[in-house]
C-alpha atoms as a PDB file:
ATOM      1  CA  UNK A   1     -24.450   6.997 -15.766  1.00  0.00           C
ATOM      2  CA  UNK A   2     -22.158   5.978 -18.622  1.00  0.00           C
ATOM      3  CA  UNK A   3     -20.904   8.587 -21.082  1.00  0.00           C
ATOM      4  CA  UNK A   4     -21.533   7.894 -24.743  1.00  0.00           C
ATOM      5  CA  UNK A   5     -17.794   7.920 -25.548  1.00  0.00           C
ATOM      6  CA  UNK A   6     -16.908   5.294 -22.931  1.00  0.00           C
ATOM      7  CA  UNK A   7     -16.023   1.796 -24.168  1.00  0.00           C
ATOM      8  CA  UNK A   8     -17.422  -0.952 -21.934  1.00  0.00           C
ATOM      9  CA  UNK A   9     -16.807  -4.651 -22.585  1.00  0.00           C
ATOM     10  CA  UNK A  10     -19.853  -6.882 -22.785  1.00  0.00           C
ATOM     11  CA  UNK A  11     -18.195  -9.172 -20.225  1.00  0.00           C
ATOM     12  CA  UNK A  12     -17.711  -6.364 -17.691  1.00  0.00           C
ATOM     13  CA  UNK A  13     -19.993  -6.203 -14.644  1.00  0.00           C
ATOM     14  CA  UNK A  14     -21.058  -2.708 -13.631  1.00  0.00           C
ATOM     15  CA  UNK A  15     -22.710  -2.140 -10.244  1.00  0.00           C
ATOM     16  CA  UNK A  16     -25.435   0.271  -9.220  1.00  0.00           C
ATOM     17  CA  UNK A  17     -25.032   4.063  -9.286  1.00  0.00           C
ATOM     18  CA  UNK A  18     -21.720   3.876 -11.143  1.00  0.00           C
ATOM     19  CA  UNK A  19     -20.525   6.919 -13.103  1.00  0.00           C
ATOM     20  CA  UNK A  20     -18.214   6.295 -16.071  1.00  0.00           C
ATOM     21  CA  UNK A  21     -17.056   9.498 -17.731  1.00  0.00           C
ATOM     22  CA  UNK A  22     -15.827  10.440 -21.203  1.00  0.00           C
ATOM     23  CA  UNK A  23     -13.316   8.217 -23.035  1.00  0.00           C
ATOM     24  CA  UNK A  24     -13.002   5.616 -20.282  1.00  0.00           C
ATOM     25  CA  UNK A  25     -12.270   1.979 -21.168  1.00  0.00           C
ATOM     26  CA  UNK A  26     -13.533  -0.936 -19.066  1.00  0.00           C
ATOM     27  CA  UNK A  27     -12.107  -4.172 -20.439  1.00  0.00           C
ATOM     28  CA  UNK A  28     -13.082  -7.840 -20.352  1.00  0.00           C
ATOM     29  CA  UNK A  29     -13.432  -9.572 -16.975  1.00  0.00           C
ATOM     30  CA  UNK A  30     -13.708  -6.369 -14.980  1.00  0.00           C
ATOM     31  CA  UNK A  31     -16.119  -5.932 -12.062  1.00  0.00           C
ATOM     32  CA  UNK A  32     -16.905  -2.371 -10.965  1.00  0.00           C
ATOM     33  CA  UNK A  33     -18.696  -2.167  -7.603  1.00  0.00           C
ATOM     34  CA  UNK A  34     -21.630   0.019  -6.625  1.00  0.00           C
ATOM     35  CA  UNK A  35     -21.103   3.761  -6.371  1.00  0.00           C
ATOM     36  CA  UNK A  36     -17.750   3.921  -8.172  1.00  0.00           C
ATOM     37  CA  UNK A  37     -16.764   6.967 -10.232  1.00  0.00           C
ATOM     38  CA  UNK A  38     -14.446   6.888 -13.252  1.00  0.00           C
ATOM     39  CA  UNK A  39     -13.996  10.561 -14.078  1.00  0.00           C
ATOM     40  CA  UNK A  40     -12.554  10.477 -17.627  1.00  0.00           C
ATOM     41  CA  UNK A  41      -9.849   8.710 -19.685  1.00  0.00           C
ATOM     42  CA  UNK A  42      -9.626   5.936 -17.073  1.00  0.00           C
ATOM     43  CA  UNK A  43      -8.557   2.487 -18.301  1.00  0.00           C
ATOM     44  CA  UNK A  44      -9.424  -0.647 -16.300  1.00  0.00           C
ATOM     45  CA  UNK A  45      -8.074  -3.961 -17.620  1.00  0.00           C
ATOM     46  CA  UNK A  46      -9.044  -7.397 -16.368  1.00  0.00           C
ATOM     47  CA  UNK A  47      -9.253  -9.647 -14.616  1.00  0.00           C
ATOM     48  CA  UNK A  48      -9.870  -6.880 -12.066  1.00  0.00           C
ATOM     49  CA  UNK A  49     -12.414  -6.636  -9.254  1.00  0.00           C
ATOM     50  CA  UNK A  50     -13.135  -3.180  -7.866  1.00  0.00           C
ATOM     51  CA  UNK A  51     -15.177  -2.808  -4.676  1.00  0.00           C
ATOM     52  CA  UNK A  52     -17.682  -0.118  -3.763  1.00  0.00           C
ATOM     53  CA  UNK A  53     -17.401   3.683  -3.808  1.00  0.00           C
ATOM     54  CA  UNK A  54     -13.957   3.969  -5.346  1.00  0.00           C
ATOM     55  CA  UNK A  55     -13.117   7.108  -7.306  1.00  0.00           C
ATOM     56  CA  UNK A  56     -10.671   7.182 -10.197  1.00  0.00           C
ATOM     57  CA  UNK A  57      -9.521  10.515 -11.582  1.00  0.00           C
ATOM     58  CA  UNK A  58      -8.441  11.099 -15.154  1.00  0.00           C
ATOM     59  CA  UNK A  59      -5.711   9.004 -16.810  1.00  0.00           C
ATOM     60  CA  UNK A  60      -5.599   6.277 -14.183  1.00  0.00           C
ATOM     61  CA  UNK A  61      -4.407   2.897 -15.514  1.00  0.00           C
ATOM     62  CA  UNK A  62      -5.828   0.108 -13.382  1.00  0.00           C
ATOM     63  CA  UNK A  63      -5.230  -3.622 -13.801  1.00  0.00           C
ATOM     64  CA  UNK A  64      -2.805  -3.348 -16.691  1.00  0.00           C
ATOM     65  CA  UNK A  65      -0.203  -6.007 -17.546  1.00  0.00           C
ATOM     66  CA  UNK A  66       2.781  -5.796 -15.229  1.00  0.00           C
ATOM     67  CA  UNK A  67       6.219  -4.434 -16.109  1.00  0.00           C
ATOM     68  CA  UNK A  68       7.969  -7.764 -15.611  1.00  0.00           C
ATOM     69  CA  UNK A  69       9.853  -9.382 -18.494  1.00  0.00           C
ATOM     70  CA  UNK A  70       8.852 -12.814 -17.206  1.00  0.00           C
ATOM     71  CA  UNK A  71       5.169 -11.991 -17.693  1.00  0.00           C
ATOM     72  CA  UNK A  72       3.772 -13.938 -20.658  1.00  0.00           C
ATOM     73  CA  UNK A  73       0.132 -12.939 -20.677  1.00  0.00           C
ATOM     74  CA  UNK A  74      -1.051 -15.187 -17.843  1.00  0.00           C
ATOM     75  CA  UNK A  75      -4.505 -14.572 -16.382  1.00  0.00           C
ATOM     76  CA  UNK A  76      -3.465 -12.810 -13.195  1.00  0.00           C
ATOM     77  CA  UNK A  77      -5.673 -10.531 -11.113  1.00  0.00           C
ATOM     78  CA  UNK A  78      -6.088  -7.222  -9.337  1.00  0.00           C
ATOM     79  CA  UNK A  79      -8.463  -6.943  -6.373  1.00  0.00           C
ATOM     80  CA  UNK A  80      -9.349  -3.512  -4.930  1.00  0.00           C
ATOM     81  CA  UNK A  81     -11.420  -2.894  -1.799  1.00  0.00           C
ATOM     82  CA  UNK A  82     -13.832  -0.055  -1.012  1.00  0.00           C
ATOM     83  CA  UNK A  83     -13.688   3.737  -0.671  1.00  0.00           C
ATOM     84  CA  UNK A  84     -10.305   4.291  -2.273  1.00  0.00           C
ATOM     85  CA  UNK A  85      -9.332   7.447  -4.166  1.00  0.00           C
ATOM     86  CA  UNK A  86      -6.943   7.219  -7.110  1.00  0.00           C
ATOM     87  CA  UNK A  87      -5.829  10.653  -8.264  1.00  0.00           C
ATOM     88  CA  UNK A  88      -4.613  11.626 -11.723  1.00  0.00           C
ATOM     89  CA  UNK A  89      -2.232   9.229 -13.428  1.00  0.00           C
ATOM     90  CA  UNK A  90      -2.236   6.548 -10.735  1.00  0.00           C
ATOM     91  CA  UNK A  91      -1.211   3.077 -11.948  1.00  0.00           C
ATOM     92  CA  UNK A  92      -1.903  -0.324 -10.395  1.00  0.00           C
ATOM     93  CA  UNK A  93      -0.764  -3.527 -12.128  1.00  0.00           C
ATOM     94  CA  UNK A  94      -2.032  -7.092 -11.871  1.00  0.00           C
ATOM     95  CA  UNK A  95      -0.001  -9.893 -10.277  1.00  0.00           C
ATOM     96  CA  UNK A  96       2.331 -12.524 -11.697  1.00  0.00           C
ATOM     97  CA  UNK A  97       2.383 -16.306 -11.500  1.00  0.00           C
ATOM     98  CA  UNK A  98       5.806 -16.067  -9.861  1.00  0.00           C
ATOM     99  CA  UNK A  99       3.882 -14.955  -6.753  1.00  0.00           C
ATOM    100  CA  UNK A 100       0.229 -15.620  -5.888  1.00  0.00           C
ATOM    101  CA  UNK A 101      -0.963 -14.050  -9.132  1.00  0.00           C
ATOM    102  CA  UNK A 102      -2.910 -11.273  -7.400  1.00  0.00           C
ATOM    103  CA  UNK A 103      -2.205  -7.647  -6.567  1.00  0.00           C
ATOM    104  CA  UNK A 104      -4.340  -6.631  -3.583  1.00  0.00           C
ATOM    105  CA  UNK A 105      -5.376  -3.146  -2.477  1.00  0.00           C
ATOM    106  CA  UNK A 106      -7.401  -2.691   0.714  1.00  0.00           C
ATOM    107  CA  UNK A 107      -9.911   0.028   1.564  1.00  0.00           C
ATOM    108  CA  UNK A 108      -9.975   3.740   2.431  1.00  0.00           C
ATOM    109  CA  UNK A 109      -6.623   4.463   0.780  1.00  0.00           C
ATOM    110  CA  UNK A 110      -5.516   7.632  -1.018  1.00  0.00           C
ATOM    111  CA  UNK A 111      -3.232   7.392  -4.039  1.00  0.00           C
ATOM    112  CA  UNK A 112      -2.073  10.849  -5.071  1.00  0.00           C
ATOM    113  CA  UNK A 113      -0.943  11.943  -8.530  1.00  0.00           C
ATOM    114  CA  UNK A 114       1.228   9.418 -10.415  1.00  0.00           C
ATOM    115  CA  UNK A 115       1.425   6.934  -7.549  1.00  0.00           C
ATOM    116  CA  UNK A 116       2.476   3.498  -8.840  1.00  0.00           C
ATOM    117  CA  UNK A 117       1.613   0.115  -7.333  1.00  0.00           C
ATOM    118  CA  UNK A 118       3.507  -2.667  -9.107  1.00  0.00           C
ATOM    119  CA  UNK A 119       2.612  -6.328  -9.564  1.00  0.00           C
ATOM    120  CA  UNK A 120       1.947  -8.600  -6.597  1.00  0.00           C
ATOM    121  CA  UNK A 121       1.868  -5.793  -4.036  1.00  0.00           C
ATOM    122  CA  UNK A 122      -0.352  -6.293  -0.990  1.00  0.00           C
ATOM    123  CA  UNK A 123      -1.679  -3.076   0.573  1.00  0.00           C
ATOM    124  CA  UNK A 124      -3.720  -2.730   3.743  1.00  0.00           C
ATOM    125  CA  UNK A 125      -6.209  -0.024   4.696  1.00  0.00           C
ATOM    126  CA  UNK A 126      -6.009   3.746   5.327  1.00  0.00           C
ATOM    127  CA  UNK A 127      -2.750   4.170   3.417  1.00  0.00           C
ATOM    128  CA  UNK A 128      -1.605   7.439   1.822  1.00  0.00           C
ATOM    129  CA  UNK A 129       0.825   7.417  -1.101  1.00  0.00           C
ATOM    130  CA  UNK A 130       1.722  10.999  -1.979  1.00  0.00           C
ATOM    131  CA  UNK A 131       2.600  12.272  -5.461  1.00  0.00           C
ATOM    132  CA  UNK A 132       5.034  10.153  -7.500  1.00  0.00           C
ATOM    133  CA  UNK A 133       5.460   7.400  -4.925  1.00  0.00           C
ATOM    134  CA  UNK A 134       6.651   4.141  -6.501  1.00  0.00           C
ATOM    135  CA  UNK A 135       6.153   0.664  -5.047  1.00  0.00           C
ATOM    136  CA  UNK A 136       8.210  -2.071  -6.714  1.00  0.00           C
ATOM    137  CA  UNK A 137       6.863  -5.579  -7.188  1.00  0.00           C
ATOM    138  CA  UNK A 138       5.900  -7.847  -4.272  1.00  0.00           C
ATOM    139  CA  UNK A 139       5.842  -4.986  -1.728  1.00  0.00           C
ATOM    140  CA  UNK A 140       3.670  -5.310   1.389  1.00  0.00           C
ATOM    141  CA  UNK A 141       2.298  -2.259   3.219  1.00  0.00           C
ATOM    142  CA  UNK A 142       0.434  -2.511   6.505  1.00  0.00           C
ATOM    143  CA  UNK A 143      -2.478  -0.345   7.651  1.00  0.00           C
ATOM    144  CA  UNK A 144      -2.148   3.440   8.114  1.00  0.00           C
ATOM    145  CA  UNK A 145       1.185   3.638   6.269  1.00  0.00           C
ATOM    146  CA  UNK A 146       2.113   7.020   4.764  1.00  0.00           C
ATOM    147  CA  UNK A 147       4.664   7.604   1.992  1.00  0.00           C
ATOM    148  CA  UNK A 148       5.803  11.175   1.341  1.00  0.00           C
ATOM    149  CA  UNK A 149       6.158  12.537  -2.184  1.00  0.00           C
ATOM    150  CA  UNK A 150       8.649  10.834  -4.488  1.00  0.00           C
ATOM    151  CA  UNK A 151       9.483   8.020  -2.069  1.00  0.00           C
ATOM    152  CA  UNK A 152      10.176   4.523  -3.422  1.00  0.00           C
ATOM    153  CA  UNK A 153      10.648   1.037  -2.021  1.00  0.00           C
ATOM    154  CA  UNK A 154      12.654  -1.948  -3.298  1.00  0.00           C
ATOM    155  CA  UNK A 155      10.890  -5.099  -4.476  1.00  0.00           C
ATOM    156  CA  UNK A 156       9.799  -7.540  -1.752  1.00  0.00           C
ATOM    157  CA  UNK A 157      10.066  -4.749   0.811  1.00  0.00           C
ATOM    158  CA  UNK A 158       7.712  -4.577   3.795  1.00  0.00           C
ATOM    159  CA  UNK A 159       6.446  -1.583   5.758  1.00  0.00           C
ATOM    160  CA  UNK A 160       4.610  -2.205   9.017  1.00  0.00           C
ATOM    161  CA  UNK A 161       1.423  -0.641  10.371  1.00  0.00           C
ATOM    162  CA  UNK A 162       1.465   3.094  11.207  1.00  0.00           C
ATOM    163  CA  UNK A 163       4.948   3.679   9.763  1.00  0.00           C
ATOM    164  CA  UNK A 164       5.821   6.931   7.983  1.00  0.00           C
ATOM    165  CA  UNK A 165       8.254   7.109   5.057  1.00  0.00           C
ATOM    166  CA  UNK A 166       9.505  10.626   4.403  1.00  0.00           C
ATOM    167  CA  UNK A 167       9.495  12.385   1.040  1.00  0.00           C
ATOM    168  CA  UNK A 168      12.235  11.277  -1.322  1.00  0.00           C
ATOM    169  CA  UNK A 169      13.221   8.187   0.686  1.00  0.00           C
ATOM    170  CA  UNK A 170      14.614   5.160  -1.128  1.00  0.00           C
ATOM    171  CA  UNK A 171      13.661   2.244   1.112  1.00  0.00           C
ATOM    172  CA  UNK A 172      15.972  -0.753   0.637  1.00  0.00           C
ATOM    173  CA  UNK A 173      15.153  -2.639   3.849  1.00  0.00           C
ATOM    174  CA  UNK A 174      11.978  -3.364   5.776  1.00  0.00           C
ATOM    175  CA  UNK A 175      10.451  -0.635   7.956  1.00  0.00           C
ATOM    176  CA  UNK A 176       8.985  -1.894  11.263  1.00  0.00           C
ATOM    177  CA  UNK A 177       5.575  -0.760  12.526  1.00  0.00           C
ATOM    178  CA  UNK A 178       5.375   2.774  13.978  1.00  0.00           C
ATOM    179  CA  UNK A 179       8.829   3.806  12.704  1.00  0.00           C
ATOM    180  CA  UNK A 180       9.373   7.067  10.836  1.00  0.00           C
ATOM    181  CA  UNK A 181      12.004   7.045   8.057  1.00  0.00           C
ATOM    182  CA  UNK A 182      13.942  10.198   7.248  1.00  0.00           C
ATOM    183  CA  UNK A 183      13.526  10.920   3.551  1.00  0.00           C
ATOM    184  CA  UNK A 184      17.017  12.355   3.072  1.00  0.00           C
ATOM    185  CA  UNK A 185      19.253   9.914   4.921  1.00  0.00           C
ATOM    186  CA  UNK A 186      16.900   6.902   4.786  1.00  0.00           C
ATOM    187  CA  UNK A 187      17.606   6.039   8.402  1.00  0.00           C
ATOM    188  CA  UNK A 188      15.183   5.513  11.308  1.00  0.00           C
ATOM    189  CA  UNK A 189      14.257   8.833  12.863  1.00  0.00           C
ATOM    190  CA  UNK A 190      12.104   7.975  15.860  1.00  0.00           C
ATOM    191  CA  UNK A 191       8.525   6.737  15.877  1.00  0.00           C
ATOM    192  CA  UNK A 192       5.519   8.190  14.101  1.00  0.00           C
ATOM    193  CA  UNK A 193       4.142   9.514  17.400  1.00  0.00           C
ATOM    194  CA  UNK A 194       1.946  12.255  15.937  1.00  0.00           C
ATOM    195  CA  UNK A 195       0.248   9.801  13.604  1.00  0.00           C
ATOM    196  CA  UNK A 196      -0.327   7.355  16.464  1.00  0.00           C
ATOM    197  CA  UNK A 197      -1.948  10.062  18.613  1.00  0.00           C
ATOM    198  CA  UNK A 198      -4.263  11.041  15.770  1.00  0.00           C
ATOM    199  CA  UNK A 199      -5.396   7.412  15.487  1.00  0.00           C
ATOM    200  CA  UNK A 200      -6.306   7.120  19.134  1.00  0.00           C
ATOM    201  CA  UNK A 201      -3.266   5.383  20.608  1.00  0.00           C
ATOM    202  CA  UNK A 202      -3.116   6.055  24.343  1.00  0.00           C
ATOM    203  CA  UNK A 203      -0.205   7.925  25.871  1.00  0.00           C
ATOM    204  CA  UNK A 204       0.796   4.688  27.593  1.00  0.00           C
ATOM    205  CA  UNK A 205       0.856   2.810  24.286  1.00  0.00           C
ATOM    206  CA  UNK A 206       2.928   5.536  22.623  1.00  0.00           C
ATOM    207  CA  UNK A 207       5.391   5.483  25.496  1.00  0.00           C
ATOM    208  CA  UNK A 208       5.676   1.690  25.263  1.00  0.00           C
ATOM    209  CA  UNK A 209       6.410   1.966  21.550  1.00  0.00           C
ATOM    210  CA  UNK A 210       9.061   4.613  22.230  1.00  0.00           C
ATOM    211  CA  UNK A 211      10.738   2.290  24.727  1.00  0.00           C
ATOM    212  CA  UNK A 212      10.599  -0.514  22.158  1.00  0.00           C
ATOM    213  CA  UNK A 213      12.206   1.792  19.604  1.00  0.00           C
ATOM    214  CA  UNK A 214      15.059   2.489  22.006  1.00  0.00           C
ATOM    215  CA  UNK A 215      15.461  -1.264  22.535  1.00  0.00           C
ATOM    216  CA  UNK A 216      15.808  -1.810  18.799  1.00  0.00           C
ATOM    217  CA  UNK A 217      17.791   1.267  17.792  1.00  0.00           C
ATOM    218  CA  UNK A 218      19.437   2.926  20.782  1.00  0.00           C
ATOM    219  CA  UNK A 219      20.644   0.147  23.073  1.00  0.00           C
ATOM    220  CA  UNK A 220      23.301  -1.602  20.965  1.00  0.00           C
ATOM    221  CA  UNK A 221      21.144  -4.713  20.737  1.00  0.00           C
ATOM    222  CA  UNK A 222      21.200  -7.061  17.784  1.00  0.00           C
ATOM    223  CA  UNK A 223      17.808  -7.673  16.216  1.00  0.00           C
ATOM    224  CA  UNK A 224      17.703 -11.086  17.910  1.00  0.00           C
ATOM    225  CA  UNK A 225      18.458  -9.524  21.292  1.00  0.00           C
ATOM    226  CA  UNK A 226      15.806  -6.864  20.737  1.00  0.00           C
ATOM    227  CA  UNK A 227      13.223  -9.526  19.865  1.00  0.00           C
ATOM    228  CA  UNK A 228      14.045 -11.431  23.060  1.00  0.00           C
ATOM    229  CA  UNK A 229      13.629  -8.322  25.218  1.00  0.00           C
ATOM    230  CA  UNK A 230      10.431  -7.158  23.480  1.00  0.00           C
ATOM    231  CA  UNK A 231       8.900 -10.622  23.784  1.00  0.00           C
ATOM    232  CA  UNK A 232       9.054 -10.211  27.547  1.00  0.00           C
ATOM    233  CA  UNK A 233       6.709  -7.178  27.467  1.00  0.00           C
ATOM    234  CA  UNK A 234       4.444  -7.950  24.520  1.00  0.00           C
ATOM    235  CA  UNK A 235       1.732  -9.501  26.705  1.00  0.00           C
ATOM    236  CA  UNK A 236       1.393  -6.225  28.618  1.00  0.00           C
ATOM    237  CA  UNK A 237       1.363  -4.053  25.501  1.00  0.00           C
ATOM    238  CA  UNK A 238      -0.273  -5.659  22.424  1.00  0.00           C
ATOM    239  CA  UNK A 239       1.255  -2.960  20.240  1.00  0.00           C
ATOM    240  CA  UNK A 240       4.656  -4.495  20.948  1.00  0.00           C
ATOM    241  CA  UNK A 241       3.475  -7.908  19.765  1.00  0.00           C
ATOM    242  CA  UNK A 242       2.975  -6.353  16.335  1.00  0.00           C
ATOM    243  CA  UNK A 243       6.594  -5.186  16.383  1.00  0.00           C
ATOM    244  CA  UNK A 244       7.890  -8.579  17.476  1.00  0.00           C
ATOM    245  CA  UNK A 245       5.974 -10.364  14.737  1.00  0.00           C
ATOM    246  CA  UNK A 246       7.343  -7.957  12.130  1.00  0.00           C
ATOM    247  CA  UNK A 247      10.944  -8.306  13.292  1.00  0.00           C
ATOM    248  CA  UNK A 248      10.682 -12.092  13.219  1.00  0.00           C
ATOM    249  CA  UNK A 249       9.445 -12.100   9.603  1.00  0.00           C
ATOM    250  CA  UNK A 250      11.549  -9.279   8.075  1.00  0.00           C
ATOM    251  CA  UNK A 251      13.268 -11.263   5.318  1.00  0.00           C
ATOM    252  CA  UNK A 252      15.314  -8.326   3.982  1.00  0.00           C
ATOM    253  CA  UNK A 253      16.383  -7.115   7.412  1.00  0.00           C
ATOM    254  CA  UNK A 254      15.217  -3.795   8.863  1.00  0.00           C
ATOM    255  CA  UNK A 255      16.524  -0.277   8.445  1.00  0.00           C
ATOM    256  CA  UNK A 256      19.216   0.460  11.035  1.00  0.00           C
END
């Protein structure tokens, strides 16, 4: 169902059972997957590919040119997965040729009011960005990451799987998997144990992650020393292998 006031490009591809509400704009080279809903006043610029069953609330701006002064109109892309919800005023920009040229958003994510995903970000699945969260360019978020309201992260920053960033945090260094960041002091504040329990992590796995946290943050180890010690137990606990891999590839260093 397409409202009579919507403006749809002839080059756009619209899937089955798609609802496009009043005053929406779907631009050239846009693909909208089956079952998507654009409530009203939603703008989708291309090249953008949107998967199935995504819902965009009013005043979302999706696939717009990035806010990078180096951008000169190149044909970069935005690719969005399935079953995402973008609440009012959410913005997601396309990539730049200074990176891979693609901004990627996974599936089953929730973007609350005024959440911003900048150019060249790569987002996993089951993420929650609360109101007014801002991701700078080239940011990578793993699966099941949660950002509290008003939090922001520096460009090229990385946040590992199942991490929790508290409201108002300004994240300047990488956040390892499972770690919870205090929004006021922006320092590690234990692991996201409640979130891990909700996602089915066993008590043994949670305990192993807690011990790994102590190895990294409470035992006066350097990062290199922590990696060496965690490598010795990663075969027993696969959750620790995820931590080791993250620590080895954290280009900006980790929060300490």
